[in-house]
Protein backbone atom coordinates (compact mmCIF):
# COMPACT_ATOMS: atom_id res chain seq x y z
CA UNK A 1 42.12 182.66 175.60
CA UNK A 2 43.41 184.33 178.74
CA UNK A 3 46.60 186.33 178.95
CA UNK A 4 48.43 186.64 182.22
CA UNK A 5 51.87 187.70 183.40
CA UNK A 6 54.37 185.34 184.91
CA UNK A 7 56.27 186.39 188.04
CA UNK A 8 59.08 183.80 188.05
CA UNK A 9 62.54 184.76 189.30
CA UNK A 10 64.13 183.81 185.97
CA UNK A 11 64.93 186.97 184.02
CA UNK A 12 64.21 185.42 180.60
CA UNK A 13 60.75 184.25 181.65
CA UNK A 14 59.61 187.24 183.68
CA UNK A 15 57.46 189.98 182.18
CA UNK A 16 56.24 187.61 179.49
CA UNK A 17 52.62 187.59 178.35
CA UNK A 18 51.59 183.96 178.72
CA UNK A 19 48.70 182.64 176.67
CA UNK A 20 46.73 179.96 178.48
CA UNK A 21 44.58 177.64 176.35
CA UNK A 22 42.30 175.10 177.98
CA UNK A 23 42.25 172.03 175.73
CA UNK A 24 40.06 169.70 177.74
CA UNK A 25 38.08 169.61 180.98
CA UNK A 26 36.77 166.22 182.03
CA UNK A 27 34.64 164.93 184.85
CA UNK A 28 36.19 162.28 187.05
CA UNK A 29 33.90 160.21 189.24
CA UNK A 30 35.35 158.17 192.06
CA UNK A 31 33.20 155.67 193.91
CA UNK A 32 33.79 155.92 197.66
CA UNK A 33 32.10 154.47 200.73
CA UNK A 34 29.47 157.21 201.00
CA UNK A 35 28.64 157.33 197.26
CA UNK A 36 30.32 159.01 194.33
CA UNK A 37 32.83 161.83 194.53
CA UNK A 38 32.91 164.20 191.55
CA UNK A 39 36.17 165.91 190.56
CA UNK A 40 37.46 167.64 187.44
CA UNK A 41 40.64 167.23 185.42
CA UNK A 42 42.00 169.88 183.06
CA UNK A 43 44.55 169.84 180.24
CA UNK A 44 46.07 173.29 179.65
CA UNK A 45 48.66 174.46 177.14
CA UNK A 46 50.59 177.58 178.09
CA UNK A 47 52.92 179.53 175.81
CA UNK A 48 54.16 183.00 174.94
CA UNK A 49 53.81 182.71 171.12
CA UNK A 50 57.55 183.44 170.83
CA UNK A 51 59.09 179.99 171.28
CA UNK A 52 58.21 178.98 174.84
CA UNK A 53 55.49 176.39 175.45
CA UNK A 54 54.42 173.90 178.12
CA UNK A 55 51.72 171.31 178.79
CA UNK A 56 50.08 170.96 182.19
CA UNK A 57 47.52 168.69 183.83
CA UNK A 58 45.59 169.40 187.02
CA UNK A 59 42.80 167.83 189.06
CA UNK A 60 40.58 169.52 191.65
CA UNK A 61 37.07 169.60 193.09
CA UNK A 62 36.00 172.45 190.80
CA UNK A 63 36.90 173.46 187.24
CA UNK A 64 38.59 176.78 188.09
CA UNK A 65 41.01 175.19 190.54
CA UNK A 66 41.78 172.36 188.09
CA UNK A 67 42.65 174.90 185.37
CA UNK A 68 44.85 176.90 187.78
CA UNK A 69 46.72 173.75 188.84
CA UNK A 70 47.17 172.71 185.21
CA UNK A 71 48.50 176.18 184.27
CA UNK A 72 51.03 176.06 187.14
CA UNK A 73 52.08 172.57 186.03
CA UNK A 74 52.48 173.86 182.47
CA UNK A 75 54.68 176.73 183.65
CA UNK A 76 56.96 174.24 185.41
CA UNK A 77 57.37 172.20 182.21
CA UNK A 78 58.24 174.96 179.72
CA UNK A 79 60.42 174.10 176.73
CA UNK A 80 62.12 176.31 174.14
CA UNK A 81 61.15 175.80 170.49
CA UNK A 82 63.71 176.84 167.86
CA UNK A 83 61.95 178.92 165.17
CA UNK A 84 63.24 179.91 161.73
CA UNK A 85 62.84 183.32 160.06
CA UNK A 86 59.54 182.17 158.55
CA UNK A 87 58.24 181.04 161.97
CA UNK A 88 58.58 177.37 161.07
CA UNK A 89 60.73 174.57 162.46
CA UNK A 90 64.26 173.83 161.16
CA UNK A 91 63.70 170.23 160.00
CA UNK A 92 61.34 167.23 160.04
CA UNK A 93 60.80 165.73 163.47
CA UNK A 94 58.81 162.90 165.01
CA UNK A 95 57.74 162.45 168.59
CA UNK A 96 56.34 159.47 170.43
CA UNK A 97 54.53 159.27 173.74
CA UNK A 98 52.60 156.15 174.68
CA UNK A 99 50.66 154.98 171.61
CA UNK A 100 50.70 158.47 170.05
CA UNK A 101 53.07 159.42 167.27
CA UNK A 102 53.28 162.96 165.86
CA UNK A 103 55.07 163.93 162.65
CA UNK A 104 56.10 167.58 162.23
CA UNK A 105 57.25 169.00 158.88
CA UNK A 106 58.36 172.56 158.16
CA UNK A 107 56.22 174.48 155.67
CA UNK A 108 56.86 177.47 153.43
CA UNK A 109 55.82 180.97 154.43
CA UNK A 110 52.08 181.56 154.19
CA UNK A 111 51.10 177.92 154.65
CA UNK A 112 49.71 178.34 158.14
CA UNK A 113 49.36 175.69 160.81
CA UNK A 114 48.11 172.49 159.19
CA UNK A 115 47.37 170.32 162.20
CA UNK A 116 44.47 169.20 164.32
CA UNK A 117 43.45 168.73 167.93
CA UNK A 118 45.85 169.50 170.74
CA UNK A 119 48.82 169.51 168.32
CA UNK A 120 47.43 172.62 166.59
CA UNK A 121 46.75 174.37 169.91
CA UNK A 122 50.27 173.61 171.16
CA UNK A 123 51.98 174.80 167.98
CA UNK A 124 49.97 178.05 167.95
CA UNK A 125 50.85 178.70 171.62
CA UNK A 126 54.52 178.11 170.77
CA UNK A 127 54.40 180.75 168.02
CA UNK A 128 54.87 178.40 165.06
CA UNK A 129 53.02 179.89 162.07
CA UNK A 130 54.02 177.63 159.14
CA UNK A 131 54.02 173.90 159.79
CA UNK A 132 52.39 170.66 158.75
CA UNK A 133 51.69 168.07 161.44
CA UNK A 134 50.08 164.65 161.42
CA UNK A 135 48.83 162.61 164.35
CA UNK A 136 49.55 158.91 163.95
CA UNK A 137 48.22 156.21 166.24
CA UNK A 138 46.12 157.39 169.17
CA UNK A 139 43.60 160.25 169.31
CA UNK A 140 44.22 160.90 173.02
CA UNK A 141 44.59 164.68 173.48
CA UNK A 142 47.10 164.49 176.33
CA UNK A 143 49.32 161.86 174.70
CA UNK A 144 49.29 163.76 171.39
CA UNK A 145 50.30 166.98 173.17
CA UNK A 146 53.13 165.20 174.98
CA UNK A 147 54.26 163.51 171.75
CA UNK A 148 54.39 166.97 170.14
CA UNK A 149 56.52 168.20 173.05
CA UNK A 150 58.87 165.24 172.45
CA UNK A 151 59.08 166.13 168.75
CA UNK A 152 59.80 169.79 169.52
CA UNK A 153 62.51 168.82 172.03
CA UNK A 154 64.21 166.70 169.36
CA UNK A 155 64.68 169.74 167.09
CA UNK A 156 68.25 170.90 166.56
CA UNK A 157 69.66 174.07 165.07
CA UNK A 158 73.10 174.85 163.66
CA UNK A 159 74.04 176.54 166.94
């Protein structure tokens, strides 16, 4: 887990300690005329553990560059998550992306994050502390993360 500071021009996002979590690094082999070309793809979740979270994907010739590109992509796709006093979500929500479905349910204080895979990583980066989540359908890490983003965007508060 690496913490870094963001230097965006937006006042609400500057001076925020971003937590960058690398979920997956994969090797990508492309067959070209001269042989095989090896590249790397990275899936990174970035958040401030106070309600802001984003998912990013990046590809490059080495792992470090792929992670940097994914983190920059994640910063561009930040969403705001409404949290309750008990650091849970306001109501039940479902999200769908591709063949992945994610069900999010609020939990009482002290329950913790009951989730698995990239859904758990994303919710922890967002600062959610009490929640129950279930992945339905696909086990693809990227699609499950994006389905969770869809579910979090569908949340509404009284405001």
